[in-house]
Amino acid sequence: MIGSGSTQEIKDTMAALNQEVMQIGQSMHNQPGDGAAGPSPGGEGDSSADSSASKVVMM
């Protein structure tokens, strides 16, 4: 059971966790890609995603 004083502690902990997750995301975004995290630019995955996106826009 969670005590009455725990609500603020949980909110504070969640805020700190969210900040750390954002920092990790920014760090990952700013690193040069080596293709390990997903399809490389110009690869098969990107071209199919781009063509399907343009089809949706044209309709």
PDB file of N, CA and C in Angstrom:
ATOM      1  N   MET A   1       0.833  -1.183   0.000  1.00  0.00           N
ATOM      2  CA  MET A   1       0.000   0.000   0.000  1.00  0.00           C
ATOM      3  C   MET A   1       0.879   1.249   0.000  1.00  0.00           C
ATOM      4  N   ILE A   2       0.473   2.247  -0.747  1.00  0.00           N
ATOM      5  CA  ILE A   2       1.231   3.482  -0.860  1.00  0.00           C
ATOM      6  C   ILE A   2       0.770   4.454   0.217  1.00  0.00           C
ATOM      7  N   GLY A   3       1.726   5.019   0.939  1.00  0.00           N
ATOM      8  CA  GLY A   3       1.400   5.980   1.991  1.00  0.00           C
ATOM      9  C   GLY A   3       0.980   7.320   1.411  1.00  0.00           C
ATOM     10  N   SER A   4       0.375   8.149   2.233  1.00  0.00           N
ATOM     11  CA  SER A   4      -0.142   9.438   1.767  1.00  0.00           C
ATOM     12  C   SER A   4       0.964  10.386   1.318  1.00  0.00           C
ATOM     13  N   GLY A   5       2.148  10.306   1.894  1.00  0.00           N
ATOM     14  CA  GLY A   5       3.252  11.177   1.511  1.00  0.00           C
ATOM     15  C   GLY A   5       3.981  10.703   0.270  1.00  0.00           C
ATOM     16  N   SER A   6       3.654   9.526  -0.223  1.00  0.00           N
ATOM     17  CA  SER A   6       4.378   8.943  -1.344  1.00  0.00           C
ATOM     18  C   SER A   6       3.993   9.534  -2.690  1.00  0.00           C
ATOM     19  N   THR A   7       2.822  10.146  -2.800  1.00  0.00           N
ATOM     20  CA  THR A   7       2.358  10.662  -4.085  1.00  0.00           C
ATOM     21  C   THR A   7       3.318  11.699  -4.648  1.00  0.00           C
ATOM     22  N   GLN A   8       3.726  12.667  -3.848  1.00  0.00           N
ATOM     23  CA  GLN A   8       4.649  13.692  -4.323  1.00  0.00           C
ATOM     24  C   GLN A   8       6.004  13.089  -4.656  1.00  0.00           C
ATOM     25  N   GLU A   9       6.440  12.128  -3.858  1.00  0.00           N
ATOM     26  CA  GLU A   9       7.723  11.463  -4.121  1.00  0.00           C
ATOM     27  C   GLU A   9       7.682  10.732  -5.462  1.00  0.00           C
ATOM     28  N   ILE A  10       6.574  10.089  -5.748  1.00  0.00           N
ATOM     29  CA  ILE A  10       6.418   9.388  -7.026  1.00  0.00           C
ATOM     30  C   ILE A  10       6.427  10.395  -8.174  1.00  0.00           C
ATOM     31  N   LYS A  11       5.711  11.502  -8.023  1.00  0.00           N
ATOM     32  CA  LYS A  11       5.692  12.533  -9.066  1.00  0.00           C
ATOM     33  C   LYS A  11       7.087  13.086  -9.319  1.00  0.00           C
ATOM     34  N   ASP A  12       7.827  13.354  -8.258  1.00  0.00           N
ATOM     35  CA  ASP A  12       9.184  13.874  -8.393  1.00  0.00           C
ATOM     36  C   ASP A  12      10.100  12.864  -9.081  1.00  0.00           C
ATOM     37  N   THR A  13       9.962  11.611  -8.704  1.00  0.00           N
ATOM     38  CA  THR A  13      10.777  10.556  -9.305  1.00  0.00           C
ATOM     39  C   THR A  13      10.444  10.388 -10.783  1.00  0.00           C
ATOM     40  N   MET A  14       9.161  10.460 -11.119  1.00  0.00           N
ATOM     41  CA  MET A  14       8.753  10.345 -12.518  1.00  0.00           C
ATOM     42  C   MET A  14       9.283  11.517 -13.342  1.00  0.00           C
ATOM     43  N   ALA A  15       9.274  12.712 -12.778  1.00  0.00           N
ATOM     44  CA  ALA A  15       9.802  13.884 -13.478  1.00  0.00           C
ATOM     45  C   ALA A  15      11.292  13.712 -13.749  1.00  0.00           C
ATOM     46  N   ALA A  16      12.031  13.225 -12.760  1.00  0.00           N
ATOM     47  CA  ALA A  16      13.466  13.001 -12.936  1.00  0.00           C
ATOM     48  C   ALA A  16      13.718  11.912 -13.984  1.00  0.00           C
ATOM     49  N   LEU A  17      12.915  10.870 -13.956  1.00  0.00           N
ATOM     50  CA  LEU A  17      13.048   9.790 -14.936  1.00  0.00           C
ATOM     51  C   LEU A  17      12.767  10.302 -16.346  1.00  0.00           C
ATOM     52  N   ASN A  18      11.716  11.098 -16.495  1.00  0.00           N
ATOM     53  CA  ASN A  18      11.386  11.664 -17.804  1.00  0.00           C
ATOM     54  C   ASN A  18      12.511  12.538 -18.332  1.00  0.00           C
ATOM     55  N   GLN A  19      13.153  13.316 -17.456  1.00  0.00           N
ATOM     56  CA  GLN A  19      14.277  14.152 -17.878  1.00  0.00           C
ATOM     57  C   GLN A  19      15.424  13.290 -18.388  1.00  0.00           C
ATOM     58  N   GLU A  20      15.716  12.215 -17.690  1.00  0.00           N
ATOM     59  CA  GLU A  20      16.810  11.344 -18.100  1.00  0.00           C
ATOM     60  C   GLU A  20      16.503  10.662 -19.422  1.00  0.00           C
ATOM     61  N   VAL A  21      15.261  10.247 -19.615  1.00  0.00           N
ATOM     62  CA  VAL A  21      14.876   9.618 -20.873  1.00  0.00           C
ATOM     63  C   VAL A  21      15.006  10.614 -22.024  1.00  0.00           C
ATOM     64  N   MET A  22      14.607  11.848 -21.793  1.00  0.00           N
ATOM     65  CA  MET A  22      14.745  12.876 -22.827  1.00  0.00           C
ATOM     66  C   MET A  22      16.216  13.110 -23.165  1.00  0.00           C
ATOM     67  N   GLN A  23      17.069  13.144 -22.158  1.00  0.00           N
ATOM     68  CA  GLN A  23      18.499  13.339 -22.394  1.00  0.00           C
ATOM     69  C   GLN A  23      19.076  12.177 -23.198  1.00  0.00           C
ATOM     70  N   ILE A  24      18.661  10.968 -22.892  1.00  0.00           N
ATOM     71  CA  ILE A  24      19.131   9.795 -23.641  1.00  0.00           C
ATOM     72  C   ILE A  24      18.671   9.896 -25.089  1.00  0.00           C
ATOM     73  N   GLY A  25      17.418  10.262 -25.281  1.00  0.00           N
ATOM     74  CA  GLY A  25      16.890  10.401 -26.635  1.00  0.00           C
ATOM     75  C   GLY A  25      17.627  11.456 -27.434  1.00  0.00           C
ATOM     76  N   GLN A  26      17.913  12.597 -26.809  1.00  0.00           N
ATOM     77  CA  GLN A  26      18.657  13.651 -27.497  1.00  0.00           C
ATOM     78  C   GLN A  26      20.065  13.189 -27.829  1.00  0.00           C
ATOM     79  N   SER A  27      20.682  12.485 -26.909  1.00  0.00           N
ATOM     80  CA  SER A  27      22.036  11.987 -27.134  1.00  0.00           C
ATOM     81  C   SER A  27      22.053  11.000 -28.303  1.00  0.00           C
ATOM     82  N   MET A  28      21.081  10.111 -28.344  1.00  0.00           N
ATOM     83  CA  MET A  28      20.999   9.138 -29.433  1.00  0.00           C
ATOM     84  C   MET A  28      20.712   9.840 -30.754  1.00  0.00           C
ATOM     85  N   HIS A  29      19.868  10.837 -30.726  1.00  0.00           N
ATOM     86  CA  HIS A  29      19.510  11.565 -31.941  1.00  0.00           C
ATOM     87  C   HIS A  29      20.696  12.332 -32.507  1.00  0.00           C
ATOM     88  N   ASN A  30      21.541  12.873 -31.628  1.00  0.00           N
ATOM     89  CA  ASN A  30      22.670  13.699 -32.054  1.00  0.00           C
ATOM     90  C   ASN A  30      23.878  12.893 -32.497  1.00  0.00           C
ATOM     91  N   GLN A  31      23.896  11.580 -32.229  1.00  0.00           N
ATOM     92  CA  GLN A  31      25.028  10.762 -32.646  1.00  0.00           C
ATOM     93  C   GLN A  31      24.929  10.449 -34.125  1.00  0.00           C
ATOM     94  N   PRO A  32      26.088  10.388 -34.799  1.00  0.00           N
ATOM     95  CA  PRO A  32      26.038   9.965 -36.200  1.00  0.00           C
ATOM     96  C   PRO A  32      25.588   8.511 -36.278  1.00  0.00           C
ATOM     97  N   GLY A  33      24.697   8.214 -37.194  1.00  0.00           N
ATOM     98  CA  GLY A  33      24.157   6.859 -37.301  1.00  0.00           C
ATOM     99  C   GLY A  33      25.109   5.925 -38.001  1.00  0.00           C
ATOM    100  N   ASP A  34      25.149   4.686 -37.506  1.00  0.00           N
ATOM    101  CA  ASP A  34      25.943   3.662 -38.167  1.00  0.00           C
ATOM    102  C   ASP A  34      25.049   2.589 -38.765  1.00  0.00           C
ATOM    103  N   GLY A  35      23.741   2.809 -38.752  1.00  0.00           N
ATOM    104  CA  GLY A  35      22.811   1.852 -39.336  1.00  0.00           C
ATOM    105  C   GLY A  35      22.412   0.732 -38.396  1.00  0.00           C
ATOM    106  N   ALA A  36      22.960   0.705 -37.189  1.00  0.00           N
ATOM    107  CA  ALA A  36      22.663  -0.392 -36.274  1.00  0.00           C
ATOM    108  C   ALA A  36      21.271  -0.271 -35.666  1.00  0.00           C
ATOM    109  N   ALA A  37      20.776   0.949 -35.526  1.00  0.00           N
ATOM    110  CA  ALA A  37      19.492   1.157 -34.860  1.00  0.00           C
ATOM    111  C   ALA A  37      18.310   0.944 -35.801  1.00  0.00           C
ATOM    112  N   GLY A  38      18.531   0.932 -37.086  1.00  0.00           N
ATOM    113  CA  GLY A  38      17.432   0.768 -38.026  1.00  0.00           C
ATOM    114  C   GLY A  38      17.950   0.767 -39.442  1.00  0.00           C
ATOM    115  N   PRO A  39      17.061   0.849 -40.391  1.00  0.00           N
ATOM    116  CA  PRO A  39      17.495   0.859 -41.783  1.00  0.00           C
ATOM    117  C   PRO A  39      18.347   2.077 -42.092  1.00  0.00           C
ATOM    118  N   SER A  40      19.357   1.901 -42.911  1.00  0.00           N
ATOM    119  CA  SER A  40      20.224   3.005 -43.265  1.00  0.00           C
ATOM    120  C   SER A  40      19.507   3.946 -44.222  1.00  0.00           C
ATOM    121  N   PRO A  41      19.879   5.219 -44.233  1.00  0.00           N
ATOM    122  CA  PRO A  41      19.230   6.168 -45.158  1.00  0.00           C
ATOM    123  C   PRO A  41      19.377   5.686 -46.605  1.00  0.00           C
ATOM    124  N   GLY A  42      18.276   5.745 -47.335  1.00  0.00           N
ATOM    125  CA  GLY A  42      18.291   5.281 -48.710  1.00  0.00           C
ATOM    126  C   GLY A  42      18.117   3.784 -48.824  1.00  0.00           C
ATOM    127  N   GLY A  43      17.988   3.114 -47.704  1.00  0.00           N
ATOM    128  CA  GLY A  43      17.830   1.666 -47.716  1.00  0.00           C
ATOM    129  C   GLY A  43      16.414   1.266 -48.068  1.00  0.00           C
ATOM    130  N   GLU A  44      16.190  -0.008 -48.141  1.00  0.00           N
ATOM    131  CA  GLU A  44      14.889  -0.533 -48.550  1.00  0.00           C
ATOM    132  C   GLU A  44      13.765  -0.056 -47.639  1.00  0.00           C
ATOM    133  N   GLY A  45      14.008  -0.037 -46.328  1.00  0.00           N
ATOM    134  CA  GLY A  45      12.978   0.379 -45.383  1.00  0.00           C
ATOM    135  C   GLY A  45      12.566   1.819 -45.565  1.00  0.00           C
ATOM    136  N   ASP A  46      13.525   2.696 -45.802  1.00  0.00           N
ATOM    137  CA  ASP A  46      13.208   4.117 -45.961  1.00  0.00           C
ATOM    138  C   ASP A  46      12.467   4.389 -47.260  1.00  0.00           C
ATOM    139  N   SER A  47      12.887   3.755 -48.353  1.00  0.00           N
ATOM    140  CA  SER A  47      12.252   4.044 -49.634  1.00  0.00           C
ATOM    141  C   SER A  47      10.794   3.586 -49.647  1.00  0.00           C
ATOM    142  N   SER A  48      10.500   2.451 -49.038  1.00  0.00           N
ATOM    143  CA  SER A  48       9.109   1.995 -49.019  1.00  0.00           C
ATOM    144  C   SER A  48       8.265   2.890 -48.125  1.00  0.00           C
ATOM    145  N   ALA A  49       8.837   3.371 -47.024  1.00  0.00           N
ATOM    146  CA  ALA A  49       8.099   4.265 -46.135  1.00  0.00           C
ATOM    147  C   ALA A  49       7.830   5.593 -46.837  1.00  0.00           C
ATOM    148  N   ASP A  50       8.812   6.092 -47.584  1.00  0.00           N
ATOM    149  CA  ASP A  50       8.626   7.352 -48.293  1.00  0.00           C
ATOM    150  C   ASP A  50       7.571   7.226 -49.384  1.00  0.00           C
ATOM    151  N   SER A  51       7.593   6.134 -50.137  1.00  0.00           N
ATOM    152  CA  SER A  51       6.632   5.991 -51.223  1.00  0.00           C
ATOM    153  C   SER A  51       5.213   5.816 -50.688  1.00  0.00           C
ATOM    154  N   SER A  52       5.050   5.095 -49.587  1.00  0.00           N
ATOM    155  CA  SER A  52       3.706   4.943 -49.030  1.00  0.00           C
ATOM    156  C   SER A  52       3.209   6.270 -48.455  1.00  0.00           C
ATOM    157  N   ALA A  53       4.114   7.049 -47.894  1.00  0.00           N
ATOM    158  CA  ALA A  53       3.730   8.352 -47.345  1.00  0.00           C
ATOM    159  C   ALA A  53       3.300   9.287 -48.471  1.00  0.00           C
ATOM    160  N   SER A  54       3.994   9.260 -49.601  1.00  0.00           N
ATOM    161  CA  SER A  54       3.619  10.133 -50.701  1.00  0.00           C
ATOM    162  C   SER A  54       2.302   9.685 -51.336  1.00  0.00           C
ATOM    163  N   LYS A  55       2.017   8.390 -51.315  1.00  0.00           N
ATOM    164  CA  LYS A  55       0.734   7.913 -51.826  1.00  0.00           C
ATOM    165  C   LYS A  55      -0.415   8.444 -50.976  1.00  0.00           C
ATOM    166  N   VAL A  56      -0.202   8.451 -49.669  1.00  0.00           N
ATOM    167  CA  VAL A  56      -1.237   8.945 -48.764  1.00  0.00           C
ATOM    168  C   VAL A  56      -1.488  10.424 -49.014  1.00  0.00           C
ATOM    169  N   VAL A  57      -0.433  11.195 -49.248  1.00  0.00           N
ATOM    170  CA  VAL A  57      -0.577  12.636 -49.476  1.00  0.00           C
ATOM    171  C   VAL A  57      -1.294  12.886 -50.787  1.00  0.00           C
ATOM    172  N   MET A  58      -1.026  12.071 -51.817  1.00  0.00           N
ATOM    173  CA  MET A  58      -1.621  12.289 -53.127  1.00  0.00           C
ATOM    174  C   MET A  58      -3.117  11.962 -53.141  1.00  0.00           C
ATOM    175  N   MET A  59      -3.563  11.079 -52.294  1.00  0.00           N
ATOM    176  CA  MET A  59      -4.959  10.666 -52.309  1.00  0.00           C
ATOM    177  C   MET A  59      -5.817  11.701 -51.777  1.00  0.00           C
TER     178      MET A  59
END
